[in-house]
N, C-alpha and C. Protein backbone atom coordinates (compact mmCIF):
# COMPACT_ATOMS: atom_id res chain seq x y z
N MET A 1 0.82 -1.17 -0.05
CA MET A 1 -0.01 0.01 -0.02
C MET A 1 0.84 1.30 0.01
N ARG A 2 1.95 1.30 0.85
CA ARG A 2 2.84 2.48 0.86
C ARG A 2 3.50 2.68 -0.45
N LYS A 3 3.85 1.59 -1.10
CA LYS A 3 4.51 1.71 -2.43
C LYS A 3 3.60 2.38 -3.45
N LYS A 4 2.32 1.98 -3.41
CA LYS A 4 1.35 2.60 -4.31
C LYS A 4 1.18 4.03 -4.03
N ILE A 5 1.14 4.38 -2.75
CA ILE A 5 0.95 5.81 -2.40
C ILE A 5 2.21 6.59 -2.87
N SER A 6 3.40 6.04 -2.67
CA SER A 6 4.62 6.73 -3.13
C SER A 6 4.60 6.90 -4.64
N VAL A 7 4.13 5.95 -5.36
CA VAL A 7 4.15 6.00 -6.81
C VAL A 7 3.09 7.12 -7.24
N VAL A 8 1.98 7.15 -6.58
CA VAL A 8 0.97 8.18 -6.87
C VAL A 8 1.51 9.55 -6.58
N ILE A 9 2.11 9.71 -5.43
CA ILE A 9 2.70 11.02 -5.07
C ILE A 9 3.75 11.46 -6.05
N ALA A 10 4.67 10.51 -6.43
CA ALA A 10 5.68 10.83 -7.38
C ALA A 10 5.12 11.21 -8.74
N ALA A 11 4.07 10.53 -9.20
CA ALA A 11 3.39 10.86 -10.41
C ALA A 11 2.78 12.28 -10.34
N ALA A 12 2.15 12.54 -9.21
CA ALA A 12 1.51 13.88 -9.07
C ALA A 12 2.57 15.01 -9.04
N VAL A 13 3.63 14.74 -8.33
CA VAL A 13 4.73 15.76 -8.35
C VAL A 13 5.27 16.00 -9.72
N ALA A 14 5.53 14.91 -10.48
CA ALA A 14 6.02 14.98 -11.84
C ALA A 14 5.05 15.76 -12.72
N ALA A 15 3.73 15.48 -12.57
CA ALA A 15 2.73 16.19 -13.37
C ALA A 15 2.77 17.69 -13.07
N VAL A 16 2.86 18.03 -11.77
CA VAL A 16 2.93 19.46 -11.37
C VAL A 16 4.12 20.14 -11.98
N LEU A 17 5.29 19.44 -11.95
CA LEU A 17 6.48 20.02 -12.47
C LEU A 17 6.38 20.20 -13.97
N ILE A 18 5.82 19.25 -14.64
CA ILE A 18 5.67 19.37 -16.17
C ILE A 18 4.73 20.50 -16.47
N ILE A 19 3.59 20.59 -15.80
CA ILE A 19 2.66 21.67 -15.99
C ILE A 19 3.31 23.04 -15.75
N GLY A 20 4.09 23.09 -14.63
CA GLY A 20 4.79 24.34 -14.32
C GLY A 20 5.83 24.70 -15.41
N ALA A 21 6.55 23.76 -15.89
CA ALA A 21 7.55 23.99 -16.91
C ALA A 21 6.89 24.51 -18.22
N VAL A 22 5.73 23.90 -18.56
CA VAL A 22 5.03 24.27 -19.77
C VAL A 22 4.49 25.75 -19.59
N ALA A 23 3.98 26.06 -18.38
CA ALA A 23 3.45 27.37 -18.12
C ALA A 23 4.62 28.43 -18.19
N VAL A 24 5.78 28.11 -17.63
CA VAL A 24 6.90 29.03 -17.64
C VAL A 24 7.32 29.25 -19.08
N CYS A 25 7.40 28.19 -19.91
CA CYS A 25 7.82 28.35 -21.30
C CYS A 25 6.78 29.22 -22.11
N ALA A 26 5.53 29.11 -21.73
CA ALA A 26 4.51 29.88 -22.36
C ALA A 26 4.66 31.38 -22.01
N VAL A 27 5.04 31.67 -20.79
CA VAL A 27 5.26 33.03 -20.35
C VAL A 27 6.56 33.62 -20.88
N PHE A 28 7.61 32.83 -20.79
CA PHE A 28 8.92 33.26 -21.22
C PHE A 28 9.47 32.34 -22.38
N PRO A 29 8.91 32.60 -23.57
CA PRO A 29 9.41 31.77 -24.69
C PRO A 29 10.87 32.04 -25.08
N ASN A 30 11.39 31.16 -25.84
CA ASN A 30 12.75 31.33 -26.34
C ASN A 30 12.87 31.02 -27.80
N LYS A 31 11.98 31.70 -28.59
CA LYS A 31 11.94 31.54 -29.99
C LYS A 31 13.10 32.23 -30.70
N TYR A 32 13.36 31.85 -31.90
CA TYR A 32 14.41 32.53 -32.75
C TYR A 32 15.79 32.54 -32.13
N ALA A 33 16.12 31.50 -31.36
CA ALA A 33 17.33 31.50 -30.64
C ALA A 33 18.59 31.66 -31.53
N THR A 34 18.58 31.02 -32.66
CA THR A 34 19.73 31.10 -33.62
C THR A 34 19.91 32.55 -34.07
N GLU A 35 18.82 33.19 -34.49
CA GLU A 35 18.90 34.55 -34.96
C GLU A 35 19.24 35.53 -33.92
N LEU A 36 18.63 35.35 -32.71
CA LEU A 36 18.84 36.20 -31.56
C LEU A 36 20.31 36.07 -31.10
N ASN A 37 20.78 34.85 -30.91
CA ASN A 37 22.15 34.71 -30.47
C ASN A 37 23.15 35.24 -31.45
N GLY A 38 22.90 35.04 -32.75
CA GLY A 38 23.80 35.60 -33.78
C GLY A 38 23.87 37.11 -33.77
N ALA A 39 22.68 37.68 -33.60
CA ALA A 39 22.64 39.23 -33.62
C ALA A 39 23.28 39.75 -32.37
N ALA A 40 22.95 39.15 -31.18
CA ALA A 40 23.57 39.62 -29.95
C ALA A 40 25.08 39.48 -30.02
N ASP A 41 25.59 38.35 -30.53
CA ASP A 41 27.01 38.17 -30.57
C ASP A 41 27.68 39.13 -31.55
N GLU A 42 27.01 39.33 -32.71
CA GLU A 42 27.53 40.29 -33.70
C GLU A 42 27.78 41.66 -33.12
N PHE A 43 26.95 42.11 -32.24
CA PHE A 43 27.07 43.46 -31.72
C PHE A 43 27.54 43.56 -30.27
N GLY A 44 28.08 42.39 -29.81
CA GLY A 44 28.71 42.34 -28.50
C GLY A 44 27.78 42.55 -27.33
N LEU A 45 26.49 42.08 -27.52
CA LEU A 45 25.48 42.23 -26.44
C LEU A 45 25.29 40.91 -25.67
N ASP A 46 24.93 41.05 -24.44
CA ASP A 46 24.58 39.90 -23.63
C ASP A 46 23.28 39.30 -24.17
N ARG A 47 23.30 37.99 -24.43
CA ARG A 47 22.14 37.32 -24.99
C ARG A 47 20.96 37.37 -24.07
N THR A 48 21.19 37.34 -22.83
CA THR A 48 20.05 37.41 -21.81
C THR A 48 19.42 38.82 -21.92
N LEU A 49 20.18 39.82 -22.07
CA LEU A 49 19.69 41.21 -22.21
C LEU A 49 18.81 41.28 -23.46
N VAL A 50 19.25 40.77 -24.57
CA VAL A 50 18.51 40.84 -25.82
C VAL A 50 17.21 40.03 -25.71
N ARG A 51 17.27 38.80 -25.14
CA ARG A 51 16.02 38.04 -24.90
C ARG A 51 15.07 38.84 -24.09
N SER A 52 15.55 39.52 -23.06
CA SER A 52 14.70 40.27 -22.15
C SER A 52 14.06 41.49 -22.88
N VAL A 53 14.85 42.11 -23.70
CA VAL A 53 14.27 43.24 -24.53
C VAL A 53 13.17 42.70 -25.46
N VAL A 54 13.46 41.63 -26.14
CA VAL A 54 12.46 41.09 -27.09
C VAL A 54 11.25 40.67 -26.29
N TRP A 55 11.40 40.04 -25.11
CA TRP A 55 10.24 39.61 -24.32
C TRP A 55 9.44 40.91 -23.90
N ALA A 56 10.11 41.89 -23.43
CA ALA A 56 9.44 43.16 -23.00
C ALA A 56 8.75 43.84 -24.11
N GLU A 57 9.34 43.81 -25.29
CA GLU A 57 8.84 44.55 -26.47
C GLU A 57 7.75 43.88 -27.21
N SER A 58 7.87 42.53 -27.43
CA SER A 58 6.92 41.89 -28.28
C SER A 58 6.45 40.54 -27.82
N LYS A 59 6.96 40.06 -26.71
CA LYS A 59 6.68 38.74 -26.21
C LYS A 59 6.99 37.67 -27.31
N PHE A 60 8.04 37.95 -28.07
CA PHE A 60 8.56 37.04 -29.13
C PHE A 60 7.53 36.88 -30.26
N ASP A 61 6.69 37.90 -30.52
CA ASP A 61 5.82 37.86 -31.65
C ASP A 61 6.45 38.68 -32.78
N LYS A 62 6.92 38.01 -33.76
CA LYS A 62 7.67 38.71 -34.84
C LYS A 62 6.76 39.54 -35.67
N ASN A 63 5.47 39.40 -35.58
CA ASN A 63 4.51 40.21 -36.35
C ASN A 63 3.92 41.32 -35.48
N ALA A 64 4.40 41.57 -34.28
CA ALA A 64 3.91 42.57 -33.41
C ALA A 64 3.98 43.98 -34.01
N LYS A 65 3.01 44.79 -33.77
CA LYS A 65 3.00 46.14 -34.24
C LYS A 65 2.32 46.98 -33.13
N SER A 66 3.06 48.05 -32.65
CA SER A 66 2.51 48.87 -31.57
C SER A 66 1.53 49.91 -32.15
N ASN A 67 0.78 50.50 -31.20
CA ASN A 67 -0.15 51.59 -31.64
C ASN A 67 0.57 52.80 -32.12
N LYS A 68 1.90 52.89 -31.83
CA LYS A 68 2.73 54.01 -32.28
C LYS A 68 3.48 53.70 -33.54
N GLY A 69 3.35 52.46 -34.11
CA GLY A 69 3.94 52.08 -35.28
C GLY A 69 5.19 51.25 -35.29
N ALA A 70 5.69 50.97 -34.00
CA ALA A 70 6.90 50.18 -33.91
C ALA A 70 6.58 48.73 -34.39
N LYS A 71 7.53 48.06 -34.99
CA LYS A 71 7.28 46.74 -35.66
C LYS A 71 8.31 45.70 -35.23
N GLY A 72 7.80 44.46 -35.27
CA GLY A 72 8.61 43.26 -35.10
C GLY A 72 9.04 42.92 -33.72
N LEU A 73 9.97 41.99 -33.63
CA LEU A 73 10.35 41.41 -32.38
C LEU A 73 10.94 42.45 -31.39
N MET A 74 11.73 43.39 -31.92
CA MET A 74 12.34 44.43 -31.03
C MET A 74 11.63 45.69 -31.10
N GLN A 75 10.46 45.73 -31.78
CA GLN A 75 9.56 46.91 -31.83
C GLN A 75 10.32 48.19 -32.21
N LEU A 76 10.85 48.18 -33.43
CA LEU A 76 11.63 49.32 -33.95
C LEU A 76 10.67 50.24 -34.72
N MET A 77 10.82 51.50 -34.53
CA MET A 77 10.08 52.48 -35.32
C MET A 77 10.54 52.44 -36.75
N PRO A 78 9.68 52.66 -37.72
CA PRO A 78 10.09 52.54 -39.11
C PRO A 78 11.34 53.29 -39.50
N ASN A 79 11.46 54.59 -39.01
CA ASN A 79 12.70 55.32 -39.35
C ASN A 79 13.94 54.71 -38.74
N THR A 80 13.81 54.29 -37.49
CA THR A 80 14.98 53.62 -36.86
C THR A 80 15.33 52.33 -37.57
N PHE A 81 14.35 51.54 -37.93
CA PHE A 81 14.61 50.30 -38.63
C PHE A 81 15.32 50.57 -39.96
N ALA A 82 14.79 51.54 -40.71
CA ALA A 82 15.35 51.83 -42.05
C ALA A 82 16.72 52.33 -41.91
N GLU A 83 17.02 53.24 -40.96
CA GLU A 83 18.34 53.81 -40.74
C GLU A 83 19.31 52.65 -40.44
N CYS A 84 18.96 51.79 -39.51
CA CYS A 84 19.90 50.67 -39.11
C CYS A 84 20.05 49.75 -40.23
N ALA A 85 18.96 49.38 -41.01
CA ALA A 85 19.10 48.50 -42.12
C ALA A 85 20.05 49.05 -43.15
N THR A 86 19.99 50.35 -43.41
CA THR A 86 20.88 50.99 -44.35
C THR A 86 22.32 50.92 -43.85
N GLU A 87 22.57 51.24 -42.62
CA GLU A 87 23.88 51.19 -42.05
C GLU A 87 24.49 49.78 -42.03
N LEU A 88 23.65 48.77 -41.93
CA LEU A 88 24.03 47.36 -41.91
C LEU A 88 24.06 46.72 -43.31
N TYR A 89 23.70 47.54 -44.31
CA TYR A 89 23.63 47.06 -45.77
C TYR A 89 22.71 45.85 -45.87
N ILE A 90 21.56 45.90 -45.22
CA ILE A 90 20.60 44.85 -45.37
C ILE A 90 19.70 45.21 -46.54
N ARG A 91 19.75 44.43 -47.63
CA ARG A 91 18.89 44.67 -48.76
C ARG A 91 17.57 44.11 -48.57
N ASN A 92 16.58 44.84 -49.06
CA ASN A 92 15.15 44.48 -48.93
C ASN A 92 14.78 44.09 -47.48
N ALA A 93 15.26 44.97 -46.58
CA ALA A 93 15.03 44.68 -45.14
C ALA A 93 13.52 44.65 -44.82
N ASN A 94 13.17 43.72 -43.98
CA ASN A 94 11.77 43.53 -43.55
C ASN A 94 11.71 43.57 -42.03
N PRO A 95 10.97 44.55 -41.49
CA PRO A 95 10.91 44.66 -40.05
C PRO A 95 10.24 43.47 -39.39
N TYR A 96 9.48 42.64 -40.13
CA TYR A 96 8.81 41.43 -39.58
C TYR A 96 9.68 40.20 -39.76
N SER A 97 10.84 40.29 -40.37
CA SER A 97 11.77 39.17 -40.49
C SER A 97 12.52 39.12 -39.18
N ALA A 98 12.50 37.94 -38.52
CA ALA A 98 13.24 37.83 -37.29
C ALA A 98 14.70 38.20 -37.40
N ARG A 99 15.37 37.73 -38.40
CA ARG A 99 16.77 38.03 -38.62
C ARG A 99 17.00 39.52 -38.80
N ASP A 100 16.32 40.14 -39.68
CA ASP A 100 16.47 41.60 -39.96
C ASP A 100 16.14 42.45 -38.75
N ASN A 101 15.05 42.12 -38.10
CA ASN A 101 14.63 42.96 -36.91
C ASN A 101 15.61 42.79 -35.78
N LEU A 102 16.06 41.55 -35.54
CA LEU A 102 17.02 41.33 -34.42
C LEU A 102 18.37 42.00 -34.74
N ARG A 103 18.86 41.90 -35.94
CA ARG A 103 20.08 42.57 -36.30
C ARG A 103 20.04 44.07 -36.13
N CYS A 104 18.87 44.64 -36.64
CA CYS A 104 18.75 46.07 -36.50
C CYS A 104 18.49 46.49 -35.07
N GLY A 105 17.76 45.72 -34.36
CA GLY A 105 17.48 46.03 -32.90
C GLY A 105 18.72 45.94 -32.07
N CYS A 106 19.51 44.91 -32.33
CA CYS A 106 20.74 44.69 -31.53
C CYS A 106 21.75 45.82 -31.94
N TYR A 107 21.82 46.16 -33.22
CA TYR A 107 22.73 47.21 -33.63
C TYR A 107 22.31 48.57 -32.96
N TYR A 108 20.99 48.84 -32.96
CA TYR A 108 20.50 50.06 -32.32
C TYR A 108 20.80 50.06 -30.80
N LEU A 109 20.48 48.98 -30.18
CA LEU A 109 20.73 48.85 -28.76
C LEU A 109 22.23 49.09 -28.47
N SER A 110 23.06 48.42 -29.24
CA SER A 110 24.53 48.56 -28.99
C SER A 110 25.00 50.04 -29.17
N ARG A 111 24.39 50.69 -30.14
CA ARG A 111 24.71 52.15 -30.32
C ARG A 111 24.30 52.99 -29.13
N LEU A 112 23.07 52.67 -28.61
CA LEU A 112 22.58 53.39 -27.42
C LEU A 112 23.51 53.12 -26.22
N ILE A 113 23.94 51.93 -26.07
CA ILE A 113 24.82 51.61 -24.94
C ILE A 113 26.15 52.36 -25.10
N ASP A 114 26.69 52.46 -26.28
CA ASP A 114 27.84 53.28 -26.55
C ASP A 114 27.63 54.75 -26.31
N ASN A 115 26.42 55.23 -26.72
CA ASN A 115 26.08 56.66 -26.59
C ASN A 115 25.99 57.03 -25.07
N PHE A 116 25.66 56.04 -24.26
CA PHE A 116 25.54 56.27 -22.78
C PHE A 116 26.72 55.69 -22.02
N ASN A 117 27.86 55.60 -22.66
CA ASN A 117 29.13 55.13 -22.09
C ASN A 117 28.95 53.83 -21.29
N GLY A 118 28.27 52.90 -21.89
CA GLY A 118 28.19 51.52 -21.29
C GLY A 118 27.06 51.45 -20.23
N ASP A 119 26.30 52.47 -19.98
CA ASP A 119 25.20 52.44 -19.00
C ASP A 119 23.99 51.79 -19.66
N THR A 120 23.83 50.53 -19.32
CA THR A 120 22.74 49.72 -19.96
C THR A 120 21.40 50.25 -19.56
N LYS A 121 21.24 50.62 -18.28
CA LYS A 121 19.90 51.13 -17.85
C LYS A 121 19.55 52.40 -18.61
N ALA A 122 20.45 53.31 -18.78
CA ALA A 122 20.19 54.51 -19.52
C ALA A 122 19.88 54.18 -21.01
N ALA A 123 20.62 53.21 -21.57
CA ALA A 123 20.35 52.80 -22.94
C ALA A 123 18.98 52.20 -23.08
N LEU A 124 18.52 51.39 -22.08
CA LEU A 124 17.19 50.86 -22.12
C LEU A 124 16.15 51.94 -22.01
N MET A 125 16.38 52.90 -21.13
CA MET A 125 15.45 54.05 -21.07
C MET A 125 15.38 54.76 -22.43
N ALA A 126 16.48 54.91 -23.11
CA ALA A 126 16.47 55.53 -24.42
C ALA A 126 15.80 54.68 -25.43
N TYR A 127 16.01 53.36 -25.38
CA TYR A 127 15.33 52.43 -26.27
C TYR A 127 13.80 52.53 -26.20
N ASN A 128 13.37 52.71 -24.97
CA ASN A 128 11.88 52.82 -24.70
C ASN A 128 11.34 54.19 -24.94
N ALA A 129 12.02 55.19 -24.45
CA ALA A 129 11.45 56.58 -24.44
C ALA A 129 12.13 57.56 -25.35
N GLY A 130 13.18 57.14 -26.00
CA GLY A 130 13.99 58.02 -26.85
C GLY A 130 15.15 58.59 -26.17
N GLU A 131 16.17 58.82 -26.89
CA GLU A 131 17.46 59.29 -26.32
C GLU A 131 17.33 60.63 -25.60
N VAL A 132 16.54 61.55 -26.15
CA VAL A 132 16.39 62.90 -25.54
C VAL A 132 15.70 62.73 -24.16
N ASN A 133 14.66 61.96 -24.14
CA ASN A 133 13.96 61.72 -22.87
C ASN A 133 14.87 61.05 -21.86
N ALA A 134 15.62 60.07 -22.24
CA ALA A 134 16.53 59.34 -21.32
C ALA A 134 17.55 60.32 -20.70
N ARG A 135 18.03 61.26 -21.50
CA ARG A 135 18.95 62.26 -20.98
C ARG A 135 18.27 63.17 -20.00
N LYS A 136 16.98 63.48 -20.23
CA LYS A 136 16.20 64.24 -19.25
C LYS A 136 16.01 63.47 -17.96
N PHE A 137 15.74 62.17 -18.09
CA PHE A 137 15.58 61.34 -16.88
C PHE A 137 16.82 61.34 -16.06
N LEU A 138 18.00 61.23 -16.76
CA LEU A 138 19.27 61.17 -16.03
C LEU A 138 19.54 62.54 -15.44
N ASN A 139 18.98 63.56 -15.89
CA ASN A 139 19.23 64.90 -15.30
C ASN A 139 18.18 65.25 -14.24
N GLY A 140 17.40 64.30 -13.81
CA GLY A 140 16.48 64.51 -12.71
C GLY A 140 15.03 64.65 -13.04
N GLU A 141 14.67 64.74 -14.34
CA GLU A 141 13.26 64.78 -14.65
C GLU A 141 12.54 63.48 -14.40
N PRO A 142 11.25 63.49 -14.04
CA PRO A 142 10.58 62.24 -13.73
C PRO A 142 10.61 61.25 -14.91
N VAL A 143 10.80 60.04 -14.57
CA VAL A 143 10.78 58.96 -15.56
C VAL A 143 9.34 58.60 -15.85
N PHE A 144 9.05 58.40 -17.17
CA PHE A 144 7.67 58.07 -17.54
C PHE A 144 7.26 56.74 -16.86
N PRO A 145 6.02 56.65 -16.41
CA PRO A 145 5.57 55.39 -15.82
C PRO A 145 5.77 54.22 -16.74
N GLU A 146 5.55 54.40 -18.06
CA GLU A 146 5.72 53.29 -19.02
C GLU A 146 7.16 52.87 -19.03
N THR A 147 8.07 53.80 -18.92
CA THR A 147 9.51 53.44 -18.87
C THR A 147 9.90 52.75 -17.62
N ILE A 148 9.30 53.11 -16.49
CA ILE A 148 9.57 52.40 -15.23
C ILE A 148 9.13 50.96 -15.38
N LYS A 149 7.92 50.76 -15.91
CA LYS A 149 7.38 49.41 -16.11
C LYS A 149 8.23 48.61 -17.06
N TYR A 150 8.72 49.26 -18.14
CA TYR A 150 9.60 48.61 -19.14
C TYR A 150 10.85 48.09 -18.43
N LEU A 151 11.48 48.99 -17.63
CA LEU A 151 12.75 48.58 -16.92
C LEU A 151 12.44 47.45 -15.92
N ASP A 152 11.32 47.44 -15.28
CA ASP A 152 10.89 46.35 -14.37
C ASP A 152 10.70 45.08 -15.11
N ASP A 153 10.03 45.20 -16.28
CA ASP A 153 9.74 43.99 -17.10
C ASP A 153 11.07 43.38 -17.59
N ILE A 154 12.00 44.22 -18.00
CA ILE A 154 13.33 43.69 -18.44
C ILE A 154 14.09 43.08 -17.27
N SER A 155 14.03 43.64 -16.12
CA SER A 155 14.70 43.09 -14.94
C SER A 155 14.06 41.73 -14.59
N THR A 156 12.78 41.59 -14.64
CA THR A 156 12.10 40.30 -14.39
C THR A 156 12.58 39.26 -15.38
N ALA A 157 12.50 39.68 -16.66
CA ALA A 157 12.88 38.67 -17.75
C ALA A 157 14.35 38.32 -17.65
N ARG A 158 15.23 39.27 -17.32
CA ARG A 158 16.66 38.93 -17.18
C ARG A 158 16.91 37.91 -16.05
N LYS A 159 16.13 38.01 -14.98
CA LYS A 159 16.33 36.99 -13.91
C LYS A 159 15.93 35.64 -14.42
N PHE A 160 14.78 35.58 -15.13
CA PHE A 160 14.38 34.27 -15.68
C PHE A 160 15.36 33.73 -16.73
N TYR A 161 15.56 34.52 -17.82
CA TYR A 161 16.40 34.04 -18.84
C TYR A 161 17.88 33.81 -18.41
N GLY A 162 18.33 34.60 -17.45
CA GLY A 162 19.68 34.46 -16.93
C GLY A 162 19.89 33.17 -16.15
N PHE A 163 18.76 32.63 -15.66
CA PHE A 163 18.80 31.39 -14.91
C PHE A 163 19.20 30.25 -15.83
N PHE A 164 18.86 30.34 -17.18
CA PHE A 164 19.11 29.26 -18.08
C PHE A 164 20.34 29.49 -18.93
N ASP A 165 20.94 30.68 -18.95
CA ASP A 165 22.10 30.93 -19.75
C ASP A 165 23.42 30.47 -19.05
């Protein structure tokens, strides 16, 4: 009888763990790993950071479009995407292509990190609210609530994705 109870308990625990793992993967997907890792590496970015930005921006939906017009995995505005694609010599660039969007987004994020002398938090504020606004925030002006939530979302995602890297 004890053996049967142990088997039932073990099966129940295994089922809970499997359900939990599936739920976590649904909340924190890891799609487009090859393209994401390649783009992150190309521009010297931490892969966990890039995954977290993609998660915060689009939840890994390559067809995402914001109400402000940002497109793709990394939610780049059309002008930013076009400028980055031109600088990277991407022909026929498509903001909904995982490869094109990740390359342009990583390039843009790496430029922002350079512009803010390696300050990733400032670069993320600029990625979300624009470089001018990020400089205002750094000079003491109130940070937009949306930007505070964005930084919190990235922090949460980095903890999760960092656990597996």
